[in-house]
Amino acid sequence: MRTVLLTGFEPFAGDATNPSGDAVRLVADDWAGPERLVAAVLPVAFNAARLQLLELIIEHSPDVIIATGLAGGRADVSIERIAINLIDARIPDNAGDQPVDVPSVPYSPAAHFATLPVKAVTADISAAGIPASVSYSAGTFVCNHVMFTALDGGEPGDRAAGFIHVPYATESAPQGQPSLPLADIARALRIAIRTSLDTEIDVSYAAGDIW
């Protein structure tokens, strides 16, 4: 039986909720398989999040890892394509730590590409009527740190791993912030799981940015 590890985050930066963690719980509550789903809500803390993720990977040996987090201000579900080996925290994490200009994992590569079928996931979420896009920046905070951790180590082809940023949930979004209903965010994660399990070779289409 294949295993999927799905993670979200606890609230941070003064928010009462975090739609990534809330959506992960929704997905877990009605998961019907046939694959095994391991769901976890990670702390928004650099050291603790990395350690908990590594413990989950060692314990469950997942075939697919989809980590998720909040990107307040984004209007769609963003499937991240690259994680950089850099922590440059604009604000302290929930443990009060604010590392600046340090690597996520010393002596590891400068970056890792997601091994999820990023474009297929994006296309399938969009086809379901949920706004989605490929993103080329996972930031330099705990989200990027977790993505890099999920991708670092192991051998190519060991597992599909990556990160999805979600917008605020409509039910709890700060006034004026773009959002999606929490049910749609959870539905997007279900689609991402199924596409990641069923897609051996990613699709290819233009999804780049012009700056």
N, C-alpha and C. Protein backbone atom coordinates (compact mmCIF):
# COMPACT_ATOMS: atom_id res chain seq x y z
N MET A 1 0.84 -1.20 0.00
CA MET A 1 0.00 0.00 0.00
C MET A 1 0.88 1.25 0.00
N ARG A 2 0.59 2.16 -0.92
CA ARG A 2 1.36 3.41 -0.96
C ARG A 2 0.90 4.35 0.15
N THR A 3 1.82 5.19 0.58
CA THR A 3 1.57 6.11 1.68
C THR A 3 1.78 7.54 1.23
N VAL A 4 0.87 8.41 1.62
CA VAL A 4 0.95 9.84 1.33
C VAL A 4 1.12 10.58 2.65
N LEU A 5 2.10 11.46 2.72
CA LEU A 5 2.27 12.35 3.87
C LEU A 5 1.80 13.74 3.46
N LEU A 6 0.80 14.25 4.16
CA LEU A 6 0.23 15.57 3.89
C LEU A 6 0.38 16.42 5.14
N THR A 7 1.03 17.58 5.00
CA THR A 7 1.23 18.44 6.16
C THR A 7 0.72 19.86 5.89
N GLY A 8 0.29 20.50 6.96
CA GLY A 8 -0.03 21.92 6.96
C GLY A 8 0.68 22.57 8.14
N PHE A 9 0.31 23.81 8.42
CA PHE A 9 0.94 24.55 9.51
C PHE A 9 -0.09 25.06 10.50
N GLU A 10 0.39 25.27 11.71
CA GLU A 10 -0.39 25.94 12.74
C GLU A 10 -0.48 27.44 12.41
N PRO A 11 -1.34 28.20 13.12
CA PRO A 11 -1.41 29.66 12.89
C PRO A 11 -0.09 30.34 13.25
N PHE A 12 0.15 31.48 12.61
CA PHE A 12 1.34 32.27 12.92
C PHE A 12 1.06 33.73 12.60
N ALA A 13 1.99 34.58 13.00
CA ALA A 13 1.95 36.03 12.72
C ALA A 13 0.64 36.67 13.20
N GLY A 14 0.11 36.18 14.31
CA GLY A 14 -1.08 36.78 14.89
C GLY A 14 -2.39 36.30 14.34
N ASP A 15 -2.38 35.44 13.31
CA ASP A 15 -3.63 34.91 12.76
C ASP A 15 -4.23 33.89 13.72
N ALA A 16 -5.56 33.85 13.77
CA ALA A 16 -6.24 32.91 14.66
C ALA A 16 -6.27 31.50 14.09
N THR A 17 -6.21 31.40 12.77
CA THR A 17 -6.25 30.10 12.11
C THR A 17 -5.22 30.07 10.99
N ASN A 18 -4.97 28.88 10.47
CA ASN A 18 -4.12 28.73 9.29
C ASN A 18 -4.85 27.79 8.34
N PRO A 19 -5.25 28.29 7.17
CA PRO A 19 -6.04 27.44 6.27
C PRO A 19 -5.31 26.20 5.79
N SER A 20 -3.98 26.21 5.81
CA SER A 20 -3.26 25.00 5.39
C SER A 20 -3.51 23.87 6.40
N GLY A 21 -3.34 24.17 7.67
CA GLY A 21 -3.61 23.15 8.68
C GLY A 21 -5.07 22.75 8.71
N ASP A 22 -5.98 23.72 8.58
CA ASP A 22 -7.41 23.42 8.59
C ASP A 22 -7.79 22.53 7.40
N ALA A 23 -7.25 22.82 6.23
CA ALA A 23 -7.57 22.03 5.04
C ALA A 23 -7.01 20.61 5.16
N VAL A 24 -5.81 20.49 5.72
CA VAL A 24 -5.23 19.15 5.91
C VAL A 24 -6.13 18.31 6.81
N ARG A 25 -6.66 18.92 7.86
CA ARG A 25 -7.56 18.17 8.75
C ARG A 25 -8.82 17.74 8.01
N LEU A 26 -9.37 18.62 7.16
CA LEU A 26 -10.55 18.26 6.39
C LEU A 26 -10.27 17.07 5.47
N VAL A 27 -9.14 17.11 4.79
CA VAL A 27 -8.78 16.01 3.89
C VAL A 27 -8.66 14.71 4.68
N ALA A 28 -8.02 14.78 5.84
CA ALA A 28 -7.81 13.57 6.65
C ALA A 28 -9.13 13.02 7.17
N ASP A 29 -10.05 13.90 7.51
CA ASP A 29 -11.32 13.47 8.11
C ASP A 29 -12.15 12.60 7.18
N ASP A 30 -12.08 12.87 5.86
CA ASP A 30 -12.92 12.08 4.95
C ASP A 30 -12.10 11.25 3.96
N TRP A 31 -10.82 11.00 4.31
CA TRP A 31 -9.98 10.20 3.42
C TRP A 31 -10.51 8.77 3.34
N ALA A 32 -10.69 8.27 2.12
CA ALA A 32 -11.22 6.93 1.93
C ALA A 32 -10.23 6.01 1.21
N GLY A 33 -9.01 6.47 1.02
CA GLY A 33 -7.99 5.62 0.39
C GLY A 33 -8.16 5.50 -1.11
N PRO A 34 -7.65 4.41 -1.70
CA PRO A 34 -7.15 3.21 -1.04
C PRO A 34 -5.75 3.37 -0.44
N GLU A 35 -5.05 4.43 -0.77
CA GLU A 35 -3.72 4.64 -0.20
C GLU A 35 -3.86 5.06 1.28
N ARG A 36 -2.77 4.90 2.00
CA ARG A 36 -2.75 5.34 3.41
C ARG A 36 -2.35 6.81 3.46
N LEU A 37 -3.10 7.60 4.20
CA LEU A 37 -2.81 9.02 4.35
C LEU A 37 -2.33 9.29 5.77
N VAL A 38 -1.16 9.92 5.87
CA VAL A 38 -0.65 10.40 7.15
C VAL A 38 -0.73 11.92 7.11
N ALA A 39 -1.48 12.50 8.01
CA ALA A 39 -1.68 13.95 8.03
C ALA A 39 -1.09 14.54 9.31
N ALA A 40 -0.46 15.68 9.19
CA ALA A 40 0.15 16.32 10.35
C ALA A 40 0.11 17.83 10.19
N VAL A 41 -0.02 18.52 11.31
CA VAL A 41 0.07 19.98 11.33
C VAL A 41 1.39 20.34 12.02
N LEU A 42 2.26 21.01 11.27
CA LEU A 42 3.60 21.31 11.75
C LEU A 42 3.63 22.64 12.49
N PRO A 43 4.56 22.80 13.42
CA PRO A 43 4.75 24.11 14.04
C PRO A 43 5.41 25.08 13.07
N VAL A 44 5.08 26.34 13.20
CA VAL A 44 5.74 27.36 12.39
C VAL A 44 7.01 27.78 13.12
N ALA A 45 7.95 26.88 13.11
CA ALA A 45 9.23 27.07 13.80
C ALA A 45 10.28 26.29 13.01
N PHE A 46 11.36 26.95 12.67
CA PHE A 46 12.34 26.35 11.77
C PHE A 46 12.82 24.99 12.26
N ASN A 47 13.37 24.95 13.45
CA ASN A 47 13.96 23.71 13.94
C ASN A 47 12.91 22.64 14.19
N ALA A 48 11.82 23.01 14.86
CA ALA A 48 10.80 22.02 15.23
C ALA A 48 10.10 21.46 14.00
N ALA A 49 9.83 22.30 13.01
CA ALA A 49 9.16 21.82 11.80
C ALA A 49 10.04 20.84 11.05
N ARG A 50 11.32 21.15 10.92
CA ARG A 50 12.24 20.25 10.22
C ARG A 50 12.34 18.91 10.94
N LEU A 51 12.49 18.95 12.27
CA LEU A 51 12.62 17.71 13.02
C LEU A 51 11.36 16.86 12.94
N GLN A 52 10.19 17.50 13.07
CA GLN A 52 8.95 16.73 13.00
C GLN A 52 8.77 16.12 11.62
N LEU A 53 9.07 16.88 10.57
CA LEU A 53 8.94 16.34 9.22
C LEU A 53 9.88 15.15 9.01
N LEU A 54 11.11 15.27 9.44
CA LEU A 54 12.06 14.17 9.28
C LEU A 54 11.60 12.94 10.06
N GLU A 55 11.06 13.13 11.25
CA GLU A 55 10.55 12.01 12.03
C GLU A 55 9.40 11.32 11.30
N LEU A 56 8.51 12.11 10.69
CA LEU A 56 7.38 11.53 9.96
C LEU A 56 7.87 10.74 8.74
N ILE A 57 8.88 11.27 8.06
CA ILE A 57 9.42 10.58 6.88
C ILE A 57 10.07 9.26 7.30
N ILE A 58 10.85 9.29 8.38
CA ILE A 58 11.51 8.07 8.84
C ILE A 58 10.49 7.04 9.29
N GLU A 59 9.46 7.48 10.00
CA GLU A 59 8.48 6.55 10.55
C GLU A 59 7.60 5.92 9.48
N HIS A 60 7.19 6.72 8.47
CA HIS A 60 6.16 6.26 7.54
C HIS A 60 6.67 5.95 6.14
N SER A 61 7.88 6.34 5.80
CA SER A 61 8.45 6.10 4.46
C SER A 61 7.44 6.42 3.36
N PRO A 62 6.98 7.67 3.28
CA PRO A 62 5.92 7.99 2.32
C PRO A 62 6.39 7.91 0.88
N ASP A 63 5.46 7.54 0.00
CA ASP A 63 5.72 7.55 -1.44
C ASP A 63 5.51 8.94 -2.02
N VAL A 64 4.63 9.72 -1.39
CA VAL A 64 4.33 11.08 -1.81
C VAL A 64 4.34 11.98 -0.58
N ILE A 65 5.02 13.12 -0.68
CA ILE A 65 4.97 14.13 0.38
C ILE A 65 4.43 15.41 -0.23
N ILE A 66 3.32 15.90 0.32
CA ILE A 66 2.78 17.20 -0.07
C ILE A 66 2.69 18.05 1.19
N ALA A 67 3.58 19.01 1.31
CA ALA A 67 3.54 19.96 2.41
C ALA A 67 2.79 21.21 1.93
N THR A 68 2.06 21.82 2.82
CA THR A 68 1.27 23.00 2.46
C THR A 68 1.45 24.10 3.48
N GLY A 69 1.24 25.32 3.04
CA GLY A 69 1.34 26.46 3.94
C GLY A 69 0.57 27.64 3.39
N LEU A 70 0.40 28.64 4.22
CA LEU A 70 -0.34 29.85 3.86
C LEU A 70 0.57 30.85 3.16
N ALA A 71 0.07 31.39 2.05
CA ALA A 71 0.72 32.54 1.40
C ALA A 71 -0.31 33.66 1.36
N GLY A 72 -0.42 34.39 2.46
CA GLY A 72 -1.38 35.49 2.53
C GLY A 72 -1.11 36.53 1.47
N GLY A 73 -2.13 36.90 0.73
CA GLY A 73 -1.99 37.86 -0.35
C GLY A 73 -2.07 37.22 -1.72
N ARG A 74 -1.78 35.93 -1.81
CA ARG A 74 -1.97 35.23 -3.08
C ARG A 74 -3.45 34.89 -3.26
N ALA A 75 -3.88 34.89 -4.51
CA ALA A 75 -5.30 34.69 -4.80
C ALA A 75 -5.62 33.27 -5.25
N ASP A 76 -4.59 32.46 -5.46
CA ASP A 76 -4.86 31.12 -5.96
C ASP A 76 -4.03 30.09 -5.21
N VAL A 77 -4.25 28.84 -5.53
CA VAL A 77 -3.46 27.75 -4.99
C VAL A 77 -2.17 27.69 -5.81
N SER A 78 -1.03 27.81 -5.16
CA SER A 78 0.26 27.93 -5.84
C SER A 78 1.07 26.67 -5.62
N ILE A 79 1.36 25.97 -6.71
CA ILE A 79 2.17 24.76 -6.62
C ILE A 79 3.62 25.15 -6.85
N GLU A 80 4.43 24.97 -5.83
CA GLU A 80 5.81 25.44 -5.86
C GLU A 80 6.69 24.49 -6.68
N ARG A 81 7.57 25.09 -7.48
CA ARG A 81 8.44 24.28 -8.33
C ARG A 81 9.86 24.16 -7.79
N ILE A 82 10.28 25.08 -6.91
CA ILE A 82 11.68 25.07 -6.48
C ILE A 82 11.79 25.53 -5.03
N ALA A 83 12.67 24.88 -4.29
CA ALA A 83 13.01 25.30 -2.93
C ALA A 83 14.48 25.70 -2.91
N ILE A 84 14.78 26.82 -2.28
CA ILE A 84 16.17 27.28 -2.21
C ILE A 84 16.74 26.99 -0.83
N ASN A 85 18.04 26.77 -0.79
CA ASN A 85 18.72 26.45 0.45
C ASN A 85 19.12 27.73 1.18
N LEU A 86 18.10 28.44 1.62
CA LEU A 86 18.32 29.74 2.27
C LEU A 86 17.19 30.04 3.23
N ILE A 87 17.57 30.46 4.43
CA ILE A 87 16.62 31.01 5.39
C ILE A 87 16.96 32.49 5.55
N ASP A 88 15.96 33.34 5.34
CA ASP A 88 16.13 34.78 5.51
C ASP A 88 14.80 35.29 6.06
N ALA A 89 14.63 35.15 7.37
CA ALA A 89 13.32 35.34 8.01
C ALA A 89 13.02 36.83 8.21
N ARG A 90 11.93 37.29 7.59
CA ARG A 90 11.51 38.69 7.76
C ARG A 90 10.92 38.93 9.13
N ILE A 91 10.30 37.89 9.71
CA ILE A 91 9.72 37.98 11.04
C ILE A 91 10.17 36.75 11.84
N PRO A 92 10.10 36.80 13.17
CA PRO A 92 10.44 35.61 13.95
C PRO A 92 9.42 34.49 13.73
N ASP A 93 9.88 33.26 13.87
CA ASP A 93 8.95 32.14 13.84
C ASP A 93 8.21 32.06 15.17
N ASN A 94 7.35 31.06 15.32
CA ASN A 94 6.56 30.96 16.55
C ASN A 94 7.38 30.60 17.77
N ALA A 95 8.63 30.19 17.57
CA ALA A 95 9.53 29.93 18.69
C ALA A 95 10.39 31.15 19.03
N GLY A 96 10.19 32.24 18.28
CA GLY A 96 10.95 33.46 18.51
C GLY A 96 12.27 33.53 17.78
N ASP A 97 12.55 32.53 16.94
CA ASP A 97 13.80 32.53 16.19
C ASP A 97 13.65 33.29 14.88
N GLN A 98 14.68 34.03 14.49
CA GLN A 98 14.67 34.79 13.25
C GLN A 98 16.02 34.65 12.55
N PRO A 99 16.30 33.48 11.99
CA PRO A 99 17.58 33.30 11.29
C PRO A 99 17.63 34.16 10.02
N VAL A 100 18.80 34.66 9.73
CA VAL A 100 18.99 35.51 8.55
C VAL A 100 20.24 35.06 7.81
N ASP A 101 20.09 34.86 6.50
CA ASP A 101 21.22 34.55 5.63
C ASP A 101 21.96 33.28 6.05
N VAL A 102 21.19 32.24 6.38
CA VAL A 102 21.79 30.94 6.70
C VAL A 102 21.14 29.87 5.84
N PRO A 103 21.83 28.77 5.57
CA PRO A 103 21.23 27.71 4.76
C PRO A 103 20.19 26.92 5.53
N SER A 104 19.24 26.36 4.82
CA SER A 104 18.33 25.41 5.45
C SER A 104 19.08 24.17 5.88
N VAL A 105 19.94 23.66 5.00
CA VAL A 105 20.74 22.47 5.29
C VAL A 105 22.17 22.75 4.84
N PRO A 106 23.08 22.97 5.77
CA PRO A 106 24.47 23.26 5.38
C PRO A 106 25.06 22.16 4.49
N TYR A 107 25.82 22.58 3.50
CA TYR A 107 26.54 21.70 2.58
C TYR A 107 25.64 20.94 1.61
N SER A 108 24.36 21.27 1.59
CA SER A 108 23.45 20.70 0.59
C SER A 108 23.42 21.60 -0.63
N PRO A 109 22.81 21.14 -1.74
CA PRO A 109 22.76 21.97 -2.95
C PRO A 109 22.06 23.31 -2.72
N ALA A 110 22.29 24.22 -3.64
CA ALA A 110 21.70 25.56 -3.52
C ALA A 110 20.18 25.53 -3.67
N ALA A 111 19.66 24.53 -4.35
CA ALA A 111 18.21 24.46 -4.57
C ALA A 111 17.83 23.03 -4.93
N HIS A 112 16.55 22.73 -4.74
CA HIS A 112 15.98 21.46 -5.18
C HIS A 112 14.69 21.76 -5.94
N PHE A 113 14.49 21.08 -7.07
CA PHE A 113 13.22 21.15 -7.76
C PHE A 113 12.24 20.15 -7.14
N ALA A 114 10.97 20.54 -7.09
CA ALA A 114 9.93 19.63 -6.65
C ALA A 114 9.93 18.39 -7.53
N THR A 115 9.65 17.26 -6.92
CA THR A 115 9.54 16.01 -7.67
C THR A 115 8.08 15.59 -7.83
N LEU A 116 7.16 16.40 -7.35
CA LEU A 116 5.75 16.23 -7.70
C LEU A 116 5.57 16.57 -9.18
N PRO A 117 4.52 16.05 -9.82
CA PRO A 117 4.19 16.50 -11.18
C PRO A 117 3.52 17.87 -11.12
N VAL A 118 4.33 18.90 -10.97
CA VAL A 118 3.85 20.25 -10.63
C VAL A 118 2.82 20.76 -11.64
N LYS A 119 3.14 20.62 -12.91
CA LYS A 119 2.23 21.19 -13.92
C LYS A 119 0.96 20.37 -14.07
N ALA A 120 1.06 19.06 -13.92
CA ALA A 120 -0.14 18.23 -13.97
C ALA A 120 -1.06 18.55 -12.80
N VAL A 121 -0.48 18.72 -11.61
CA VAL A 121 -1.28 19.09 -10.44
C VAL A 121 -1.96 20.43 -10.66
N THR A 122 -1.21 21.40 -11.16
CA THR A 122 -1.78 22.72 -11.42
C THR A 122 -2.92 22.64 -12.42
N ALA A 123 -2.72 21.90 -13.50
CA ALA A 123 -3.75 21.78 -14.53
C ALA A 123 -5.01 21.10 -14.00
N ASP A 124 -4.84 20.07 -13.19
CA ASP A 124 -6.00 19.35 -12.69
C ASP A 124 -6.79 20.17 -11.67
N ILE A 125 -6.10 20.93 -10.84
CA ILE A 125 -6.81 21.80 -9.90
C ILE A 125 -7.56 22.89 -10.66
N SER A 126 -6.91 23.48 -11.66
CA SER A 126 -7.57 24.50 -12.47
C SER A 126 -8.79 23.94 -13.20
N ALA A 127 -8.66 22.71 -13.72
CA ALA A 127 -9.77 22.09 -14.44
C ALA A 127 -10.97 21.85 -13.55
N ALA A 128 -10.74 21.77 -12.25
CA ALA A 128 -11.83 21.58 -11.29
C ALA A 128 -12.49 22.89 -10.90
N GLY A 129 -12.05 23.99 -11.52
CA GLY A 129 -12.65 25.29 -11.25
C GLY A 129 -12.05 26.03 -10.07
N ILE A 130 -10.89 25.58 -9.61
CA ILE A 130 -10.21 26.24 -8.49
C ILE A 130 -9.00 26.97 -9.04
N PRO A 131 -8.85 28.27 -8.78
CA PRO A 131 -7.70 29.01 -9.32
C PRO A 131 -6.38 28.40 -8.83
N ALA A 132 -5.48 28.14 -9.77
CA ALA A 132 -4.19 27.52 -9.42
C ALA A 132 -3.13 27.98 -10.40
N SER A 133 -1.90 28.01 -9.93
CA SER A 133 -0.79 28.41 -10.80
C SER A 133 0.49 27.76 -10.31
N VAL A 134 1.48 27.67 -11.24
CA VAL A 134 2.82 27.25 -10.87
C VAL A 134 3.54 28.45 -10.27
N SER A 135 4.21 28.22 -9.15
CA SER A 135 4.97 29.29 -8.50
C SER A 135 6.45 28.95 -8.52
N TYR A 136 7.27 29.98 -8.66
CA TYR A 136 8.72 29.79 -8.69
C TYR A 136 9.40 30.42 -7.48
N SER A 137 8.63 30.75 -6.45
CA SER A 137 9.23 31.26 -5.22
C SER A 137 8.41 30.80 -4.02
N ALA A 138 9.02 29.91 -3.23
CA ALA A 138 8.38 29.46 -2.00
C ALA A 138 8.76 30.33 -0.81
N GLY A 139 9.44 31.44 -1.09
CA GLY A 139 9.83 32.36 -0.02
C GLY A 139 11.13 31.94 0.64
N THR A 140 11.39 32.52 1.81
CA THR A 140 12.60 32.19 2.57
C THR A 140 12.27 31.98 4.04
N PHE A 141 10.99 31.63 4.31
CA PHE A 141 10.54 31.42 5.69
C PHE A 141 10.38 29.92 5.93
N VAL A 142 9.56 29.53 6.86
CA VAL A 142 9.45 28.13 7.26
C VAL A 142 8.88 27.26 6.14
N CYS A 143 8.00 27.81 5.29
CA CYS A 143 7.45 27.03 4.18
C CYS A 143 8.56 26.52 3.26
N ASN A 144 9.41 27.42 2.83
CA ASN A 144 10.52 27.02 1.96
C ASN A 144 11.45 26.05 2.68
N HIS A 145 11.67 26.28 3.97
CA HIS A 145 12.54 25.42 4.77
C HIS A 145 12.00 23.99 4.80
N VAL A 146 10.70 23.86 4.99
CA VAL A 146 10.07 22.54 5.01
C VAL A 146 10.13 21.89 3.63
N MET A 147 9.89 22.66 2.59
CA MET A 147 9.98 22.11 1.24
C MET A 147 11.38 21.60 0.96
N PHE A 148 12.38 22.40 1.31
CA PHE A 148 13.76 21.97 1.06
C PHE A 148 14.08 20.70 1.85
N THR A 149 13.61 20.64 3.09
CA THR A 149 13.84 19.47 3.92
C THR A 149 13.22 18.23 3.30
N ALA A 150 12.00 18.36 2.77
CA ALA A 150 11.31 17.23 2.16
C ALA A 150 12.05 16.71 0.93
N LEU A 151 12.75 17.59 0.24
CA LEU A 151 13.42 17.23 -1.01
C LEU A 151 14.89 16.86 -0.82
N ASP A 152 15.47 17.22 0.30
CA ASP A 152 16.90 17.01 0.50
C ASP A 152 17.17 15.60 0.98
N GLY A 153 18.21 14.99 0.48
CA GLY A 153 18.56 13.64 0.88
C GLY A 153 17.81 12.60 0.08
N GLY A 154 18.21 11.36 0.23
CA GLY A 154 17.58 10.29 -0.53
C GLY A 154 18.09 10.28 -1.96
N GLU A 155 17.57 9.34 -2.72
CA GLU A 155 17.98 9.17 -4.10
C GLU A 155 16.87 9.65 -5.04
N PRO A 156 17.23 10.15 -6.23
CA PRO A 156 16.21 10.53 -7.20
C PRO A 156 15.26 9.37 -7.47
N GLY A 157 13.97 9.66 -7.47
CA GLY A 157 12.97 8.63 -7.73
C GLY A 157 12.48 7.93 -6.47
N ASP A 158 13.07 8.26 -5.30
CA ASP A 158 12.61 7.63 -4.06
C ASP A 158 11.15 7.94 -3.78
N ARG A 159 10.79 9.21 -3.99
CA ARG A 159 9.43 9.64 -3.69
C ARG A 159 9.12 10.92 -4.46
N ALA A 160 7.84 11.22 -4.59
CA ALA A 160 7.41 12.50 -5.13
C ALA A 160 7.18 13.45 -3.96
N ALA A 161 7.79 14.62 -4.00
CA ALA A 161 7.67 15.56 -2.89
C ALA A 161 7.59 16.99 -3.41
N GLY A 162 6.90 17.81 -2.67
CA GLY A 162 6.79 19.21 -3.05
C GLY A 162 5.95 19.99 -2.06
N PHE A 163 5.60 21.21 -2.46
CA PHE A 163 4.93 22.14 -1.54
C PHE A 163 3.85 22.89 -2.29
N ILE A 164 2.75 23.13 -1.59
CA ILE A 164 1.63 23.90 -2.14
C ILE A 164 1.30 25.04 -1.20
N HIS A 165 1.32 26.26 -1.71
CA HIS A 165 0.88 27.42 -0.95
C HIS A 165 -0.60 27.67 -1.21
N VAL A 166 -1.32 27.97 -0.16
CA VAL A 166 -2.75 28.25 -0.30
C VAL A 166 -3.05 29.67 0.17
N PRO A 167 -4.10 30.28 -0.37
CA PRO A 167 -4.48 31.61 0.09
C PRO A 167 -5.25 31.53 1.41
N TYR A 168 -5.61 32.67 1.94
CA TYR A 168 -6.49 32.70 3.10
C TYR A 168 -7.80 31.98 2.78
N ALA A 169 -8.41 31.39 3.79
CA ALA A 169 -9.75 30.83 3.65
C ALA A 169 -10.77 31.95 3.79
N THR A 170 -11.77 31.93 2.95
CA THR A 170 -12.78 33.00 2.95
C THR A 170 -13.41 33.16 4.33
N GLU A 171 -13.58 32.06 5.03
CA GLU A 171 -14.27 32.10 6.33
C GLU A 171 -13.49 32.86 7.40
N SER A 172 -12.18 33.03 7.21
CA SER A 172 -11.37 33.65 8.25
C SER A 172 -10.37 34.67 7.72
N ALA A 173 -10.50 35.05 6.45
CA ALA A 173 -9.53 35.95 5.83
C ALA A 173 -9.60 37.36 6.42
N PRO A 174 -8.46 38.01 6.61
CA PRO A 174 -8.49 39.42 7.00
C PRO A 174 -9.21 40.24 5.93
N GLN A 175 -9.83 41.30 6.34
CA GLN A 175 -10.59 42.13 5.41
C GLN A 175 -9.70 42.62 4.27
N GLY A 176 -10.20 42.47 3.04
CA GLY A 176 -9.50 42.95 1.87
C GLY A 176 -8.49 41.98 1.28
N GLN A 177 -8.26 40.85 1.94
CA GLN A 177 -7.29 39.89 1.44
C GLN A 177 -7.96 38.90 0.49
N PRO A 178 -7.30 38.53 -0.61
CA PRO A 178 -7.86 37.50 -1.49
C PRO A 178 -7.98 36.17 -0.75
N SER A 179 -8.97 35.39 -1.15
CA SER A 179 -9.22 34.16 -0.41
C SER A 179 -9.97 33.16 -1.28
N LEU A 180 -10.03 31.93 -0.79
CA LEU A 180 -10.84 30.87 -1.37
C LEU A 180 -11.59 30.18 -0.24
N PRO A 181 -12.78 29.61 -0.52
CA PRO A 181 -13.46 28.85 0.53
C PRO A 181 -12.59 27.70 1.01
N LEU A 182 -12.64 27.44 2.31
CA LEU A 182 -11.82 26.37 2.87
C LEU A 182 -12.13 25.03 2.19
N ALA A 183 -13.38 24.80 1.84
CA ALA A 183 -13.75 23.54 1.17
C ALA A 183 -13.03 23.41 -0.17
N ASP A 184 -12.86 24.52 -0.88
CA ASP A 184 -12.15 24.47 -2.16
C ASP A 184 -10.65 24.23 -1.96
N ILE A 185 -10.09 24.80 -0.90
CA ILE A 185 -8.68 24.56 -0.61
C ILE A 185 -8.46 23.08 -0.31
N ALA A 186 -9.34 22.50 0.49
CA ALA A 186 -9.24 21.07 0.79
C ALA A 186 -9.43 20.23 -0.48
N ARG A 187 -10.37 20.63 -1.32
CA ARG A 187 -10.60 19.91 -2.56
C ARG A 187 -9.36 19.97 -3.46
N ALA A 188 -8.70 21.12 -3.50
CA ALA A 188 -7.46 21.24 -4.28
C ALA A 188 -6.39 20.28 -3.77
N LEU A 189 -6.29 20.12 -2.45
CA LEU A 189 -5.29 19.20 -1.90
C LEU A 189 -5.63 17.75 -2.24
N ARG A 190 -6.90 17.40 -2.23
CA ARG A 190 -7.29 16.04 -2.63
C ARG A 190 -6.89 15.77 -4.08
N ILE A 191 -7.14 16.76 -4.94
CA ILE A 191 -6.77 16.61 -6.35
C ILE A 191 -5.26 16.48 -6.48
N ALA A 192 -4.52 17.28 -5.73
CA ALA A 192 -3.06 17.21 -5.79
C ALA A 192 -2.55 15.83 -5.38
N ILE A 193 -3.16 15.26 -4.37
CA ILE A 193 -2.76 13.93 -3.93
C ILE A 193 -3.01 12.91 -5.04
N ARG A 194 -4.23 12.93 -5.58
CA ARG A 194 -4.59 11.93 -6.59
C ARG A 194 -3.74 12.07 -7.85
N THR A 195 -3.52 13.29 -8.29
CA THR A 195 -2.69 13.51 -9.48
C THR A 195 -1.26 13.05 -9.23
N SER A 196 -0.73 13.35 -8.04
CA SER A 196 0.64 12.95 -7.73
C SER A 196 0.80 11.44 -7.69
N LEU A 197 -0.22 10.75 -7.22
CA LEU A 197 -0.18 9.29 -7.18
C LEU A 197 -0.31 8.66 -8.56
N ASP A 198 -1.10 9.30 -9.42
CA ASP A 198 -1.46 8.67 -10.70
C ASP A 198 -0.61 9.12 -11.88
N THR A 199 0.25 10.14 -11.71
CA THR A 199 1.02 10.70 -12.82
C THR A 199 2.48 10.27 -12.72
N GLU A 200 2.93 9.54 -13.73
CA GLU A 200 4.33 9.10 -13.75
C GLU A 200 5.23 10.13 -14.42
N ILE A 201 4.74 10.79 -15.45
CA ILE A 201 5.52 11.80 -16.17
C ILE A 201 4.71 13.08 -16.21
N ASP A 202 5.29 14.17 -15.75
CA ASP A 202 4.58 15.44 -15.72
C ASP A 202 4.27 15.93 -17.13
N VAL A 203 3.19 16.70 -17.25
CA VAL A 203 2.86 17.31 -18.53
C VAL A 203 3.76 18.53 -18.74
N SER A 204 3.80 19.01 -19.96
CA SER A 204 4.64 20.15 -20.30
C SER A 204 3.82 21.20 -21.01
N TYR A 205 3.78 22.41 -20.43
CA TYR A 205 3.13 23.55 -21.06
C TYR A 205 3.75 24.80 -20.47
N ALA A 206 3.57 25.91 -21.14
CA ALA A 206 4.18 27.17 -20.69
C ALA A 206 3.51 27.63 -19.40
N ALA A 207 4.32 27.84 -18.37
CA ALA A 207 3.80 28.34 -17.09
C ALA A 207 4.78 29.28 -16.42
N GLY A 208 5.69 29.83 -17.19
CA GLY A 208 6.72 30.69 -16.64
C GLY A 208 6.24 32.12 -16.43
N ASP A 209 7.11 32.91 -15.83
CA ASP A 209 6.83 34.32 -15.56
C ASP A 209 7.74 35.20 -16.41
N ILE A 210 7.29 36.38 -16.72
CA ILE A 210 8.12 37.41 -17.35
C ILE A 210 8.22 38.57 -16.39
N TRP A 211 9.45 38.92 -16.02
CA TRP A 211 9.65 40.00 -15.06
C TRP A 211 10.28 41.20 -15.76
